[in-house]
């Protein structure tokens, strides 16, 4: 505890304050009709908030999370937590997303990948179907980014919040943020898309399909009906390794994993490389909390993404009235910068108030999380404009 106190004093001396401990809250809906027309009963999601809601509820910033993330965007649940939420570097007192000014709220998605994390509350394929008393499995309906947005809106409506100072999201969270600006233009004043896109293209759809393939190929998957026998571990681990790899860039990846200097692979075709084993070990750690079926559903939600979900992207972007900021990562191999730039250029052509700023760093797609502090000034100025 002494080192925690010393750290707190150091941060205070630098004018940096930590958030108070975060409380996970629960939001329930008696029923929810998905974009695909299916009706879900007893839908639940978790959410958390940082800062104080002002009297007229005009200082709300919604954070929408990435593919393998949760609503835990900042702070800690307990003093003993090894790390804070994923964007703690930019969310908090005096930070880019300043909790002294804004009430910052984040919500778990439906079919959240981390279905077995005790801090995640989410209805998904691992949840019990009230009609059968068993996990949904593949009986769970296809869900979309718009479904995630509509659940978030239902929560905000229940809190009496009908105007957002901003919606800010990274990766799959950027899909939600932009769809918010299209679906509810009168409620969104600013939108920030970090490492994002306006729609999927065939290249990215195929790349995401590679995340589903090893799960479906694992005999233990049992066409999604594995909850009594256990997760398809081999397929899930391989899928998560692909996700980590695809979100990386050589510069950062090569720093993190051992160089291929192993001797055994030179003489034994069955021998593996230490770097491959290290990546597999990291994937296995993630798999402890993640649900294989949920990965499939999030892949599909991402594959069918088109901001606005009607016609073409340009026509949908005509509905946007929010100021927008696009922040792709320069070395992103997963959602290449061109995807964000083309959306920005379309908005600019339409005469919308829009900005573009790339995040440079060695981590590829992950720079949207790791290197976002390098653009804290840009983000802070945008939110104040």
Protein backbone atom coordinates (compact mmCIF):
# COMPACT_ATOMS: atom_id res chain seq x y z
CA UNK A 1 0.00 0.00 0.00
CA UNK A 2 2.94 2.36 0.59
CA UNK A 3 3.88 2.36 -3.09
CA UNK A 4 0.26 3.21 -4.00
CA UNK A 5 0.35 6.18 -1.65
CA UNK A 6 3.70 7.29 -3.07
CA UNK A 7 2.33 7.03 -6.60
CA UNK A 8 -0.71 9.07 -5.63
CA UNK A 9 1.50 11.79 -4.15
CA UNK A 10 3.66 11.82 -7.28
CA UNK A 11 0.63 12.16 -9.56
CA UNK A 12 -0.78 14.93 -7.38
CA UNK A 13 2.55 16.78 -7.54
CA UNK A 14 2.33 16.61 -11.34
CA UNK A 15 -1.24 17.86 -11.31
CA UNK A 16 -2.52 14.42 -12.38
CA UNK A 17 -5.39 12.94 -10.41
CA UNK A 18 -6.72 9.40 -10.39
CA UNK A 19 -10.38 8.56 -10.80
CA UNK A 20 -12.28 7.30 -7.75
CA UNK A 21 -12.93 3.55 -7.74
CA UNK A 22 -15.39 2.60 -10.46
CA UNK A 23 -18.69 0.80 -9.87
CA UNK A 24 -20.14 -1.53 -12.50
CA UNK A 25 -23.86 -0.93 -12.89
CA UNK A 26 -26.57 -3.02 -14.56
CA UNK A 27 -29.20 -2.02 -17.09
CA UNK A 28 -32.10 -4.35 -17.88
CA UNK A 29 -34.66 -4.36 -20.66
CA UNK A 30 -37.72 -6.60 -20.43
CA UNK A 31 -37.42 -7.23 -24.16
CA UNK A 32 -35.46 -5.99 -27.14
CA UNK A 33 -36.17 -6.43 -30.84
CA UNK A 34 -32.99 -6.75 -32.87
CA UNK A 35 -32.40 -5.18 -36.26
CA UNK A 36 -32.87 -8.67 -37.70
CA UNK A 37 -36.40 -8.78 -36.23
CA UNK A 38 -35.77 -11.29 -33.44
CA UNK A 39 -37.13 -10.59 -29.95
CA UNK A 40 -34.82 -11.08 -26.98
CA UNK A 41 -36.27 -11.34 -23.48
CA UNK A 42 -34.55 -10.08 -20.33
CA UNK A 43 -31.71 -8.24 -21.98
CA UNK A 44 -28.98 -6.99 -19.62
CA UNK A 45 -25.80 -4.97 -20.13
CA UNK A 46 -23.25 -3.50 -17.75
CA UNK A 47 -22.21 0.12 -17.70
CA UNK A 48 -20.01 2.47 -15.76
CA UNK A 49 -19.55 6.21 -15.52
CA UNK A 50 -16.89 8.70 -14.45
CA UNK A 51 -17.37 12.32 -13.45
CA UNK A 52 -20.55 14.15 -12.46
CA UNK A 53 -23.69 14.69 -14.51
CA UNK A 54 -24.57 18.38 -14.57
CA UNK A 55 -28.02 19.79 -13.82
CA UNK A 56 -29.25 20.03 -17.41
CA UNK A 57 -27.54 16.75 -18.43
CA UNK A 58 -25.61 18.46 -21.21
CA UNK A 59 -22.08 17.29 -20.36
CA UNK A 60 -22.35 13.61 -21.34
CA UNK A 61 -19.68 11.83 -23.36
CA UNK A 62 -20.45 8.27 -24.40
CA UNK A 63 -17.49 5.91 -24.88
CA UNK A 64 -18.19 2.97 -27.19
CA UNK A 65 -15.76 0.08 -26.85
CA UNK A 66 -13.70 -2.01 -29.25
CA UNK A 67 -14.20 -5.62 -30.41
CA UNK A 68 -12.59 -7.45 -27.50
CA UNK A 69 -13.16 -4.67 -24.98
CA UNK A 70 -15.74 -3.92 -22.32
CA UNK A 71 -17.27 -0.84 -20.75
CA UNK A 72 -14.23 -0.60 -18.46
CA UNK A 73 -12.73 2.44 -20.19
CA UNK A 74 -10.99 4.04 -17.20
CA UNK A 75 -10.28 3.78 -13.49
CA UNK A 76 -10.14 0.68 -11.32
CA UNK A 77 -12.73 -1.43 -9.55
CA UNK A 78 -10.38 -2.10 -6.63
CA UNK A 79 -7.13 -0.54 -5.44
CA UNK A 80 -5.47 -3.91 -6.01
CA UNK A 81 -6.40 -4.11 -9.71
CA UNK A 82 -3.19 -4.53 -11.73
CA UNK A 83 -4.27 -2.05 -14.42
CA UNK A 84 -7.00 0.54 -14.99
CA UNK A 85 -9.47 0.68 -17.89
CA UNK A 86 -8.09 0.73 -21.41
CA UNK A 87 -8.33 4.51 -22.02
CA UNK A 88 -7.37 5.64 -18.52
CA UNK A 89 -4.56 7.71 -20.06
CA UNK A 90 -7.09 10.05 -21.67
CA UNK A 91 -10.13 9.78 -19.36
CA UNK A 92 -9.98 11.38 -15.93
CA UNK A 93 -9.50 14.66 -14.05
CA UNK A 94 -7.64 17.14 -16.25
CA UNK A 95 -7.10 14.62 -19.04
CA UNK A 96 -8.19 14.89 -22.68
CA UNK A 97 -11.66 13.61 -21.77
CA UNK A 98 -11.83 15.63 -18.57
CA UNK A 99 -14.05 14.14 -15.87
CA UNK A 100 -13.95 17.46 -14.03
CA UNK A 101 -16.03 18.80 -16.95
CA UNK A 102 -17.76 15.80 -18.48
CA UNK A 103 -19.91 12.91 -17.33
CA UNK A 104 -18.33 9.99 -19.17
CA UNK A 105 -20.40 6.86 -19.64
CA UNK A 106 -19.59 3.49 -21.24
CA UNK A 107 -21.73 0.40 -21.92
CA UNK A 108 -20.96 -3.28 -22.56
CA UNK A 109 -22.14 -4.46 -25.98
CA UNK A 110 -24.58 -7.28 -26.50
CA UNK A 111 -22.71 -10.56 -27.15
CA UNK A 112 -19.67 -9.12 -25.40
CA UNK A 113 -16.62 -11.27 -26.03
CA UNK A 114 -15.74 -11.34 -22.31
CA UNK A 115 -18.83 -13.27 -21.27
CA UNK A 116 -17.04 -14.98 -18.38
CA UNK A 117 -15.38 -11.91 -16.91
CA UNK A 118 -17.08 -11.33 -13.52
CA UNK A 119 -17.03 -7.57 -14.22
CA UNK A 120 -18.98 -7.93 -17.46
CA UNK A 121 -22.77 -7.99 -17.62
CA UNK A 122 -24.03 -8.79 -21.10
CA UNK A 123 -26.71 -10.79 -22.84
CA UNK A 124 -25.21 -13.00 -25.51
CA UNK A 125 -24.99 -16.58 -26.80
CA UNK A 126 -23.65 -17.82 -23.44
CA UNK A 127 -26.70 -16.40 -21.60
CA UNK A 128 -29.64 -18.52 -20.56
CA UNK A 129 -32.53 -18.47 -23.02
CA UNK A 130 -35.67 -17.98 -20.89
CA UNK A 131 -37.63 -20.14 -23.33
CA UNK A 132 -35.41 -23.21 -22.87
CA UNK A 133 -33.51 -22.72 -19.62
CA UNK A 134 -30.28 -23.45 -21.53
CA UNK A 135 -27.61 -21.21 -23.06
CA UNK A 136 -28.70 -19.67 -26.35
CA UNK A 137 -25.72 -20.89 -28.35
CA UNK A 138 -26.42 -20.28 -32.03
CA UNK A 139 -30.09 -19.74 -31.26
CA UNK A 140 -29.02 -16.25 -30.29
CA UNK A 141 -30.00 -13.91 -33.13
CA UNK A 142 -27.55 -12.07 -35.34
CA UNK A 143 -26.93 -8.66 -33.77
CA UNK A 144 -25.61 -5.51 -35.40
CA UNK A 145 -23.71 -2.38 -34.47
CA UNK A 146 -27.07 -0.60 -34.64
CA UNK A 147 -28.40 -2.99 -31.98
CA UNK A 148 -25.52 -2.00 -29.69
CA UNK A 149 -26.36 1.66 -30.32
CA UNK A 150 -30.06 1.15 -29.62
CA UNK A 151 -29.36 -0.56 -26.29
CA UNK A 152 -27.09 2.36 -25.36
CA UNK A 153 -29.86 4.80 -26.31
CA UNK A 154 -32.37 2.90 -24.18
CA UNK A 155 -30.02 3.22 -21.20
CA UNK A 156 -29.49 6.94 -21.80
CA UNK A 157 -33.24 7.48 -22.19
CA UNK A 158 -33.78 5.74 -18.84
CA UNK A 159 -31.35 8.25 -17.29
CA UNK A 160 -33.15 11.20 -18.88
CA UNK A 161 -30.17 11.94 -21.15
CA UNK A 162 -31.22 13.07 -24.61
CA UNK A 163 -28.19 15.02 -25.79
CA UNK A 164 -24.59 13.86 -26.08
CA UNK A 165 -21.72 16.32 -25.96
CA UNK A 166 -19.78 13.63 -27.82
CA UNK A 167 -19.62 9.97 -28.74
CA UNK A 168 -16.06 8.62 -28.83
CA UNK A 169 -15.07 5.10 -29.81
CA UNK A 170 -12.14 3.02 -31.05
CA UNK A 171 -12.24 0.26 -33.68
CA UNK A 172 -15.64 -1.48 -33.36
CA UNK A 173 -16.45 1.37 -30.98
CA UNK A 174 -15.86 3.80 -33.84
CA UNK A 175 -18.53 1.96 -35.83
CA UNK A 176 -20.97 2.60 -32.99
CA UNK A 177 -19.93 6.24 -32.64
CA UNK A 178 -20.48 7.04 -36.31
CA UNK A 179 -23.74 5.10 -36.43
CA UNK A 180 -24.92 7.16 -33.44
CA UNK A 181 -24.25 10.34 -35.45
CA UNK A 182 -26.24 8.99 -38.41
CA UNK A 183 -29.11 7.39 -36.49
CA UNK A 184 -29.66 10.18 -33.94
CA UNK A 185 -28.27 13.36 -35.48
CA UNK A 186 -30.28 15.64 -33.18
CA UNK A 187 -28.74 14.01 -30.09
CA UNK A 188 -25.04 13.93 -31.05
CA UNK A 189 -23.04 17.17 -31.04
CA UNK A 190 -19.59 15.64 -31.67
CA UNK A 191 -18.33 12.29 -32.91
CA UNK A 192 -14.79 10.91 -32.64
CA UNK A 193 -13.83 7.84 -34.68
CA UNK A 194 -10.52 6.33 -33.53
CA UNK A 195 -8.97 3.57 -35.70
CA UNK A 196 -12.29 3.27 -37.49
CA UNK A 197 -14.26 3.16 -40.73
CA UNK A 198 -17.60 4.11 -42.21
CA UNK A 199 -18.34 0.70 -43.66
CA UNK A 200 -16.81 -2.70 -44.32
CA UNK A 201 -15.20 -3.66 -47.61
CA UNK A 202 -14.66 -7.19 -49.05
CA UNK A 203 -10.98 -7.18 -47.97
CA UNK A 204 -11.84 -6.54 -44.33
CA UNK A 205 -14.83 -8.89 -44.35
CA UNK A 206 -12.53 -11.73 -45.41
CA UNK A 207 -9.90 -10.75 -42.86
CA UNK A 208 -12.49 -10.92 -40.09
CA UNK A 209 -13.77 -14.28 -41.36
CA UNK A 210 -10.33 -15.69 -40.53
CA UNK A 211 -11.12 -15.03 -36.86
CA UNK A 212 -14.21 -17.25 -37.05
CA UNK A 213 -12.71 -20.13 -39.03
CA UNK A 214 -10.60 -21.82 -36.29
CA UNK A 215 -13.54 -21.79 -33.87
CA UNK A 216 -15.85 -23.46 -36.38
CA UNK A 217 -13.13 -25.95 -37.33
CA UNK A 218 -12.60 -27.12 -33.74
CA UNK A 219 -14.51 -30.41 -33.17
CA UNK A 220 -15.23 -29.24 -29.61
CA UNK A 221 -17.33 -26.36 -30.97
CA UNK A 222 -20.28 -28.70 -31.65
CA UNK A 223 -21.96 -26.10 -33.86
CA UNK A 224 -22.12 -23.72 -30.91
CA UNK A 225 -23.60 -26.21 -28.43
CA UNK A 226 -20.57 -26.67 -26.16
CA UNK A 227 -21.53 -25.02 -22.86
CA UNK A 228 -22.03 -28.34 -21.06
CA UNK A 229 -18.78 -29.84 -22.38
CA UNK A 230 -16.55 -26.76 -22.32
CA UNK A 231 -15.19 -24.11 -24.67
CA UNK A 232 -13.55 -25.15 -27.97
CA UNK A 233 -10.21 -24.09 -26.52
CA UNK A 234 -7.96 -24.88 -29.46
CA UNK A 235 -10.11 -22.94 -31.91
CA UNK A 236 -10.71 -20.04 -29.53
CA UNK A 237 -7.01 -19.71 -28.71
CA UNK A 238 -6.12 -19.68 -32.41
CA UNK A 239 -8.81 -17.09 -33.15
CA UNK A 240 -7.54 -14.81 -30.39
CA UNK A 241 -3.96 -15.21 -31.63
CA UNK A 242 -5.11 -14.07 -35.07
CA UNK A 243 -6.88 -11.08 -33.51
CA UNK A 244 -3.75 -10.04 -31.60
CA UNK A 245 -1.56 -10.54 -34.68
CA UNK A 246 -3.87 -8.67 -37.09
CA UNK A 247 -4.15 -5.73 -34.68
CA UNK A 248 -0.34 -5.46 -34.52
CA UNK A 249 2.34 -3.91 -36.71
CA UNK A 250 5.82 -5.42 -37.20
CA UNK A 251 7.69 -2.71 -35.28
CA UNK A 252 5.74 -3.16 -32.07
CA UNK A 253 5.13 -6.89 -32.50
CA UNK A 254 8.85 -7.61 -32.91
CA UNK A 255 9.60 -5.67 -29.74
CA UNK A 256 7.11 -7.70 -27.77
CA UNK A 257 7.90 -11.23 -28.93
CA UNK A 258 11.25 -13.11 -29.05
CA UNK A 259 13.31 -13.05 -32.24
CA UNK A 260 13.19 -16.35 -34.21
CA UNK A 261 16.63 -17.58 -33.17
CA UNK A 262 15.41 -21.00 -31.99
CA UNK A 263 17.63 -23.92 -32.95
CA UNK A 264 15.08 -26.75 -32.77
CA UNK A 265 12.98 -25.63 -35.79
CA UNK A 266 16.11 -25.87 -37.94
CA UNK A 267 16.22 -29.62 -37.50
CA UNK A 268 12.67 -30.62 -36.43
CA UNK A 269 9.60 -29.78 -38.50
CA UNK A 270 7.42 -30.37 -35.42
CA UNK A 271 9.35 -27.87 -33.30
CA UNK A 272 7.80 -24.46 -32.71
CA UNK A 273 9.22 -20.97 -32.38
CA UNK A 274 9.35 -19.21 -29.02
CA UNK A 275 7.62 -16.15 -30.52
CA UNK A 276 4.70 -18.25 -31.76
CA UNK A 277 4.43 -19.95 -28.38
CA UNK A 278 4.50 -16.59 -26.59
CA UNK A 279 1.65 -15.28 -28.74
CA UNK A 280 -0.31 -18.48 -28.13
CA UNK A 281 0.20 -18.07 -24.37
CA UNK A 282 -1.14 -14.51 -24.48
CA UNK A 283 -4.16 -15.70 -26.47
CA UNK A 284 -4.79 -18.48 -23.94
CA UNK A 285 -4.85 -15.94 -21.10
CA UNK A 286 -7.52 -13.94 -22.92
CA UNK A 287 -9.50 -17.10 -23.66
CA UNK A 288 -10.06 -17.63 -19.95
CA UNK A 289 -12.77 -14.95 -20.00
CA UNK A 290 -13.97 -15.02 -23.60
CA UNK A 291 -16.74 -16.99 -25.26
CA UNK A 292 -16.10 -18.56 -28.66
CA UNK A 293 -19.66 -18.03 -29.89
CA UNK A 294 -19.53 -14.38 -28.88
CA UNK A 295 -16.47 -13.94 -31.10
CA UNK A 296 -18.52 -15.26 -34.03
CA UNK A 297 -21.35 -12.82 -33.32
CA UNK A 298 -19.04 -9.83 -32.99
CA UNK A 299 -17.29 -10.80 -36.21
CA UNK A 300 -20.65 -10.88 -38.00
CA UNK A 301 -21.77 -7.58 -36.44
CA UNK A 302 -18.57 -6.01 -37.75
CA UNK A 303 -18.81 -7.63 -41.18
CA UNK A 304 -22.32 -6.27 -41.85
CA UNK A 305 -21.49 -2.77 -40.62
CA UNK A 306 -22.51 0.22 -42.70
CA UNK A 307 -23.06 3.49 -40.85
CA UNK A 308 -26.75 4.19 -41.31
CA UNK A 309 -27.56 0.69 -42.58
CA UNK A 310 -29.52 1.91 -45.62
CA UNK A 311 -28.54 2.56 -49.21
CA UNK A 312 -25.00 3.86 -49.49
CA UNK A 313 -22.62 5.53 -47.07
CA UNK A 314 -22.61 8.95 -48.71
CA UNK A 315 -26.39 9.28 -48.53
CA UNK A 316 -26.32 8.17 -44.90
CA UNK A 317 -23.61 10.68 -44.01
CA UNK A 318 -25.83 13.48 -45.29
CA UNK A 319 -27.83 13.02 -42.07
CA UNK A 320 -24.85 13.83 -39.83
CA UNK A 321 -25.01 17.21 -38.09
CA UNK A 322 -22.32 16.52 -35.48
CA UNK A 323 -18.79 17.88 -35.69
CA UNK A 324 -16.61 14.87 -36.49
CA UNK A 325 -12.99 13.88 -35.92
CA UNK A 326 -11.34 10.86 -37.53
CA UNK A 327 -8.16 9.50 -35.93
CA UNK A 328 -6.86 6.40 -37.74
CA UNK A 329 -3.52 4.81 -36.94
CA UNK A 330 -0.91 5.42 -39.64
CA UNK A 331 0.31 1.80 -39.60
CA UNK A 332 -3.04 0.06 -39.12
CA UNK A 333 -3.22 -3.21 -41.08
CA UNK A 334 -6.68 -4.17 -39.80
CA UNK A 335 -8.74 -1.04 -40.51
CA UNK A 336 -6.36 0.71 -42.90
CA UNK A 337 -6.24 4.53 -42.67
CA UNK A 338 -7.81 4.85 -46.13
CA UNK A 339 -11.11 3.62 -44.65
CA UNK A 340 -11.31 6.52 -42.21
CA UNK A 341 -9.91 9.02 -44.69
CA UNK A 342 -12.52 8.20 -47.33
CA UNK A 343 -15.31 8.73 -44.77
CA UNK A 344 -13.74 12.02 -43.71
CA UNK A 345 -13.40 13.14 -47.34
CA UNK A 346 -17.03 12.26 -48.05
CA UNK A 347 -18.18 14.35 -45.08
CA UNK A 348 -15.92 17.19 -46.20
CA UNK A 349 -17.39 17.02 -49.72
CA UNK A 350 -20.85 17.22 -48.16
CA UNK A 351 -19.85 20.46 -46.40
CA UNK A 352 -19.79 18.94 -42.90
CA UNK A 353 -17.59 20.17 -40.04
CA UNK A 354 -14.97 17.41 -39.98
CA UNK A 355 -11.30 16.88 -39.03
CA UNK A 356 -8.68 14.24 -39.74
CA UNK A 357 -5.62 13.42 -37.63
CA UNK A 358 -3.54 10.25 -37.88
CA UNK A 359 -1.99 8.57 -34.85
CA UNK A 360 1.61 7.60 -35.51
CA UNK A 361 3.22 4.77 -33.57
CA UNK A 362 4.79 1.30 -33.79
CA UNK A 363 1.75 -0.76 -32.75
CA UNK A 364 -0.55 -0.65 -35.79
CA UNK A 365 -4.25 -0.91 -34.95
CA UNK A 366 -3.30 -1.01 -31.28
CA UNK A 367 -1.99 2.56 -31.53
CA UNK A 368 -5.62 3.61 -31.08
CA UNK A 369 -5.25 2.39 -27.51
CA UNK A 370 -1.53 2.56 -26.76
CA UNK A 371 -0.54 5.76 -28.57
CA UNK A 372 -3.74 7.78 -28.22
CA UNK A 373 -2.10 10.00 -25.52
CA UNK A 374 0.09 11.47 -28.29
CA UNK A 375 -3.06 13.09 -29.68
CA UNK A 376 -4.57 14.12 -26.34
CA UNK A 377 -4.25 17.81 -27.23
CA UNK A 378 -6.10 17.35 -30.52
CA UNK A 379 -8.86 15.40 -28.81
CA UNK A 380 -9.19 17.89 -25.93
CA UNK A 381 -9.41 20.85 -28.33
CA UNK A 382 -12.01 19.10 -30.47
CA UNK A 383 -14.22 18.35 -27.47
CA UNK A 384 -14.01 22.03 -26.43
CA UNK A 385 -14.86 23.43 -29.86
